[in-house]
Amino acid sequence: MTENVIDMVEPFVSEDQRKWGKLASDINYRRLHLLLLREILLELKKQNRKGKA
């Protein structure tokens, strides 16, 4: 992943509940969810390896 995950999330952060409802059905929003989950899993794996070493 070439972009910083935090930078990717910024355009989606909003206090407006209507915007969240619209985003929930948006394909880009779902793609963002998958990318964030992937990054979390990769970070957890990396932390787990460090803990075992």
PDB file of N, CA and C in Angstrom:
ATOM      1  N   MET A   1       0.858  -1.168   0.000  1.00  0.00           N
ATOM      2  CA  MET A   1       0.000   0.000   0.000  1.00  0.00           C
ATOM      3  C   MET A   1       0.902   1.227   0.000  1.00  0.00           C
ATOM      4  N   THR A   2       0.719   2.088  -0.969  1.00  0.00           N
ATOM      5  CA  THR A   2       1.602   3.232  -1.106  1.00  0.00           C
ATOM      6  C   THR A   2       1.120   4.451  -0.330  1.00  0.00           C
ATOM      7  N   GLU A   3      -0.172   4.526  -0.034  1.00  0.00           N
ATOM      8  CA  GLU A   3      -0.704   5.671   0.693  1.00  0.00           C
ATOM      9  C   GLU A   3      -0.737   5.400   2.191  1.00  0.00           C
ATOM     10  N   ASN A   4      -0.592   6.457   2.963  1.00  0.00           N
ATOM     11  CA  ASN A   4      -0.752   6.355   4.403  1.00  0.00           C
ATOM     12  C   ASN A   4      -2.228   6.095   4.696  1.00  0.00           C
ATOM     13  N   VAL A   5      -2.509   5.119   5.546  1.00  0.00           N
ATOM     14  CA  VAL A   5      -3.889   4.741   5.835  1.00  0.00           C
ATOM     15  C   VAL A   5      -4.655   5.908   6.452  1.00  0.00           C
ATOM     16  N   ILE A   6      -4.019   6.657   7.324  1.00  0.00           N
ATOM     17  CA  ILE A   6      -4.690   7.794   7.962  1.00  0.00           C
ATOM     18  C   ILE A   6      -5.099   8.827   6.919  1.00  0.00           C
ATOM     19  N   ASP A   7      -4.243   9.072   5.947  1.00  0.00           N
ATOM     20  CA  ASP A   7      -4.583  10.021   4.880  1.00  0.00           C
ATOM     21  C   ASP A   7      -5.750   9.525   4.038  1.00  0.00           C
ATOM     22  N   MET A   8      -5.848   8.208   3.862  1.00  0.00           N
ATOM     23  CA  MET A   8      -6.953   7.650   3.086  1.00  0.00           C
ATOM     24  C   MET A   8      -8.289   7.829   3.806  1.00  0.00           C
ATOM     25  N   VAL A   9      -8.264   7.768   5.123  1.00  0.00           N
ATOM     26  CA  VAL A   9      -9.494   7.828   5.912  1.00  0.00           C
ATOM     27  C   VAL A   9     -10.033   9.253   6.035  1.00  0.00           C
ATOM     28  N   GLU A  10      -9.170  10.230   6.045  1.00  0.00           N
ATOM     29  CA  GLU A  10      -9.562  11.617   6.296  1.00  0.00           C
ATOM     30  C   GLU A  10     -10.758  12.114   5.474  1.00  0.00           C
ATOM     31  N   PRO A  11     -10.822  11.863   4.164  1.00  0.00           N
ATOM     32  CA  PRO A  11     -11.971  12.368   3.407  1.00  0.00           C
ATOM     33  C   PRO A  11     -13.300  11.765   3.846  1.00  0.00           C
ATOM     34  N   PHE A  12     -13.263  10.627   4.521  1.00  0.00           N
ATOM     35  CA  PHE A  12     -14.488   9.952   4.927  1.00  0.00           C
ATOM     36  C   PHE A  12     -14.946  10.333   6.329  1.00  0.00           C
ATOM     37  N   VAL A  13     -14.074  10.976   7.103  1.00  0.00           N
ATOM     38  CA  VAL A  13     -14.414  11.322   8.483  1.00  0.00           C
ATOM     39  C   VAL A  13     -15.353  12.521   8.488  1.00  0.00           C
ATOM     40  N   SER A  14     -16.487  12.351   9.138  1.00  0.00           N
ATOM     41  CA  SER A  14     -17.487  13.418   9.199  1.00  0.00           C
ATOM     42  C   SER A  14     -18.379  13.191  10.406  1.00  0.00           C
ATOM     43  N   GLU A  15     -18.904  14.259  10.962  1.00  0.00           N
ATOM     44  CA  GLU A  15     -19.862  14.172  12.058  1.00  0.00           C
ATOM     45  C   GLU A  15     -21.297  14.076  11.531  1.00  0.00           C
ATOM     46  N   ASP A  16     -21.469  14.284  10.234  1.00  0.00           N
ATOM     47  CA  ASP A  16     -22.800  14.279   9.615  1.00  0.00           C
ATOM     48  C   ASP A  16     -23.295  12.843   9.426  1.00  0.00           C
ATOM     49  N   GLN A  17     -24.327  12.455  10.157  1.00  0.00           N
ATOM     50  CA  GLN A  17     -24.857  11.093  10.093  1.00  0.00           C
ATOM     51  C   GLN A  17     -25.414  10.749   8.708  1.00  0.00           C
ATOM     52  N   ARG A  18     -25.978  11.746   8.007  1.00  0.00           N
ATOM     53  CA  ARG A  18     -26.500  11.483   6.659  1.00  0.00           C
ATOM     54  C   ARG A  18     -25.383  11.087   5.709  1.00  0.00           C
ATOM     55  N   LYS A  19     -24.234  11.722   5.862  1.00  0.00           N
ATOM     56  CA  LYS A  19     -23.089  11.390   5.007  1.00  0.00           C
ATOM     57  C   LYS A  19     -22.639   9.952   5.268  1.00  0.00           C
ATOM     58  N   TRP A  20     -22.653   9.515   6.536  1.00  0.00           N
ATOM     59  CA  TRP A  20     -22.273   8.145   6.866  1.00  0.00           C
ATOM     60  C   TRP A  20     -23.233   7.153   6.238  1.00  0.00           C
ATOM     61  N   GLY A  21     -24.524   7.469   6.254  1.00  0.00           N
ATOM     62  CA  GLY A  21     -25.511   6.579   5.644  1.00  0.00           C
ATOM     63  C   GLY A  21     -25.285   6.436   4.153  1.00  0.00           C
ATOM     64  N   LYS A  22     -24.973   7.530   3.503  1.00  0.00           N
ATOM     65  CA  LYS A  22     -24.709   7.492   2.062  1.00  0.00           C
ATOM     66  C   LYS A  22     -23.435   6.701   1.769  1.00  0.00           C
ATOM     67  N   LEU A  23     -22.409   6.901   2.584  1.00  0.00           N
ATOM     68  CA  LEU A  23     -21.147   6.206   2.364  1.00  0.00           C
ATOM     69  C   LEU A  23     -21.266   4.699   2.565  1.00  0.00           C
ATOM     70  N   ALA A  24     -22.153   4.286   3.455  1.00  0.00           N
ATOM     71  CA  ALA A  24     -22.286   2.869   3.761  1.00  0.00           C
ATOM     72  C   ALA A  24     -22.686   2.057   2.535  1.00  0.00           C
ATOM     73  N   SER A  25     -23.352   2.690   1.577  1.00  0.00           N
ATOM     74  CA  SER A  25     -23.757   1.985   0.372  1.00  0.00           C
ATOM     75  C   SER A  25     -22.795   2.244  -0.793  1.00  0.00           C
ATOM     76  N   ASP A  26     -21.774   2.994  -0.541  1.00  0.00           N
ATOM     77  CA  ASP A  26     -20.829   3.373  -1.581  1.00  0.00           C
ATOM     78  C   ASP A  26     -19.729   2.318  -1.716  1.00  0.00           C
ATOM     79  N   ILE A  27     -19.399   1.953  -2.945  1.00  0.00           N
ATOM     80  CA  ILE A  27     -18.389   0.926  -3.193  1.00  0.00           C
ATOM     81  C   ILE A  27     -17.017   1.367  -2.684  1.00  0.00           C
ATOM     82  N   ASN A  28     -16.682   2.635  -2.844  1.00  0.00           N
ATOM     83  CA  ASN A  28     -15.385   3.110  -2.358  1.00  0.00           C
ATOM     84  C   ASN A  28     -15.281   2.980  -0.844  1.00  0.00           C
ATOM     85  N   TYR A  29     -16.391   3.203  -0.154  1.00  0.00           N
ATOM     86  CA  TYR A  29     -16.406   3.075   1.300  1.00  0.00           C
ATOM     87  C   TYR A  29     -16.168   1.620   1.702  1.00  0.00           C
ATOM     88  N   ARG A  30     -16.795   0.711   0.994  1.00  0.00           N
ATOM     89  CA  ARG A  30     -16.590  -0.714   1.294  1.00  0.00           C
ATOM     90  C   ARG A  30     -15.158  -1.131   0.979  1.00  0.00           C
ATOM     91  N   ARG A  31     -14.615  -0.600  -0.079  1.00  0.00           N
ATOM     92  CA  ARG A  31     -13.212  -0.879  -0.418  1.00  0.00           C
ATOM     93  C   ARG A  31     -12.302  -0.346   0.680  1.00  0.00           C
ATOM     94  N   LEU A  32     -12.604   0.837   1.182  1.00  0.00           N
ATOM     95  CA  LEU A  32     -11.825   1.425   2.260  1.00  0.00           C
ATOM     96  C   LEU A  32     -11.878   0.526   3.501  1.00  0.00           C
ATOM     97  N   HIS A  33     -13.050  -0.015   3.824  1.00  0.00           N
ATOM     98  CA  HIS A  33     -13.162  -0.938   4.952  1.00  0.00           C
ATOM     99  C   HIS A  33     -12.216  -2.115   4.783  1.00  0.00           C
ATOM    100  N   LEU A  34     -12.219  -2.696   3.610  1.00  0.00           N
ATOM    101  CA  LEU A  34     -11.358  -3.851   3.360  1.00  0.00           C
ATOM    102  C   LEU A  34      -9.885  -3.482   3.466  1.00  0.00           C
ATOM    103  N   LEU A  35      -9.518  -2.325   2.948  1.00  0.00           N
ATOM    104  CA  LEU A  35      -8.127  -1.890   3.029  1.00  0.00           C
ATOM    105  C   LEU A  35      -7.706  -1.663   4.478  1.00  0.00           C
ATOM    106  N   LEU A  36      -8.591  -1.048   5.265  1.00  0.00           N
ATOM    107  CA  LEU A  36      -8.268  -0.797   6.661  1.00  0.00           C
ATOM    108  C   LEU A  36      -8.148  -2.098   7.449  1.00  0.00           C
ATOM    109  N   LEU A  37      -9.058  -3.030   7.200  1.00  0.00           N
ATOM    110  CA  LEU A  37      -8.973  -4.328   7.869  1.00  0.00           C
ATOM    111  C   LEU A  37      -7.681  -5.052   7.508  1.00  0.00           C
ATOM    112  N   ARG A  38      -7.305  -4.962   6.258  1.00  0.00           N
ATOM    113  CA  ARG A  38      -6.058  -5.592   5.812  1.00  0.00           C
ATOM    114  C   ARG A  38      -4.860  -4.976   6.539  1.00  0.00           C
ATOM    115  N   GLU A  39      -4.825  -3.662   6.629  1.00  0.00           N
ATOM    116  CA  GLU A  39      -3.722  -2.982   7.315  1.00  0.00           C
ATOM    117  C   GLU A  39      -3.672  -3.355   8.792  1.00  0.00           C
ATOM    118  N   ILE A  40      -4.828  -3.455   9.427  1.00  0.00           N
ATOM    119  CA  ILE A  40      -4.886  -3.846  10.834  1.00  0.00           C
ATOM    120  C   ILE A  40      -4.331  -5.256  11.005  1.00  0.00           C
ATOM    121  N   LEU A  41      -4.762  -6.171  10.138  1.00  0.00           N
ATOM    122  CA  LEU A  41      -4.272  -7.544  10.228  1.00  0.00           C
ATOM    123  C   LEU A  41      -2.766  -7.642  10.004  1.00  0.00           C
ATOM    124  N   LEU A  42      -2.259  -6.901   9.039  1.00  0.00           N
ATOM    125  CA  LEU A  42      -0.821  -6.905   8.789  1.00  0.00           C
ATOM    126  C   LEU A  42      -0.056  -6.361   9.998  1.00  0.00           C
ATOM    127  N   GLU A  43      -0.568  -5.311  10.604  1.00  0.00           N
ATOM    128  CA  GLU A  43       0.086  -4.736  11.789  1.00  0.00           C
ATOM    129  C   GLU A  43       0.050  -5.710  12.964  1.00  0.00           C
ATOM    130  N   LEU A  44      -1.086  -6.391  13.150  1.00  0.00           N
ATOM    131  CA  LEU A  44      -1.184  -7.378  14.224  1.00  0.00           C
ATOM    132  C   LEU A  44      -0.214  -8.535  14.015  1.00  0.00           C
ATOM    133  N   LYS A  45      -0.074  -8.987  12.773  1.00  0.00           N
ATOM    134  CA  LYS A  45       0.884 -10.054  12.477  1.00  0.00           C
ATOM    135  C   LYS A  45       2.309  -9.607  12.800  1.00  0.00           C
ATOM    136  N   LYS A  46       2.629  -8.371  12.418  1.00  0.00           N
ATOM    137  CA  LYS A  46       3.965  -7.837  12.675  1.00  0.00           C
ATOM    138  C   LYS A  46       4.223  -7.741  14.182  1.00  0.00           C
ATOM    139  N   GLN A  47       3.245  -7.273  14.941  1.00  0.00           N
ATOM    140  CA  GLN A  47       3.381  -7.176  16.397  1.00  0.00           C
ATOM    141  C   GLN A  47       3.521  -8.554  17.022  1.00  0.00           C
ATOM    142  N   ASN A  48       2.777  -9.519  16.498  1.00  0.00           N
ATOM    143  CA  ASN A  48       2.835 -10.881  17.011  1.00  0.00           C
ATOM    144  C   ASN A  48       4.225 -11.492  16.787  1.00  0.00           C
ATOM    145  N   ARG A  49       4.803 -11.241  15.630  1.00  0.00           N
ATOM    146  CA  ARG A  49       6.147 -11.756  15.338  1.00  0.00           C
ATOM    147  C   ARG A  49       7.172 -11.146  16.277  1.00  0.00           C
ATOM    148  N   LYS A  50       7.034  -9.839  16.544  1.00  0.00           N
ATOM    149  CA  LYS A  50       7.971  -9.167  17.459  1.00  0.00           C
ATOM    150  C   LYS A  50       7.837  -9.727  18.868  1.00  0.00           C
ATOM    151  N   GLY A  51       6.616 -10.045  19.276  1.00  0.00           N
ATOM    152  CA  GLY A  51       6.372 -10.578  20.617  1.00  0.00           C
ATOM    153  C   GLY A  51       6.976 -11.950  20.815  1.00  0.00           C
ATOM    154  N   LYS A  52       7.010 -12.750  19.759  1.00  0.00           N
ATOM    155  CA  LYS A  52       7.552 -14.109  19.852  1.00  0.00           C
ATOM    156  C   LYS A  52       9.073 -14.112  19.794  1.00  0.00           C
ATOM    157  N   ALA A  53       9.661 -13.069  19.244  1.00  0.00           N
ATOM    158  CA  ALA A  53      11.129 -13.008  19.082  1.00  0.00           C
ATOM    159  C   ALA A  53      11.850 -12.657  20.369  1.00  0.00           C
TER     160      ALA A  53
END
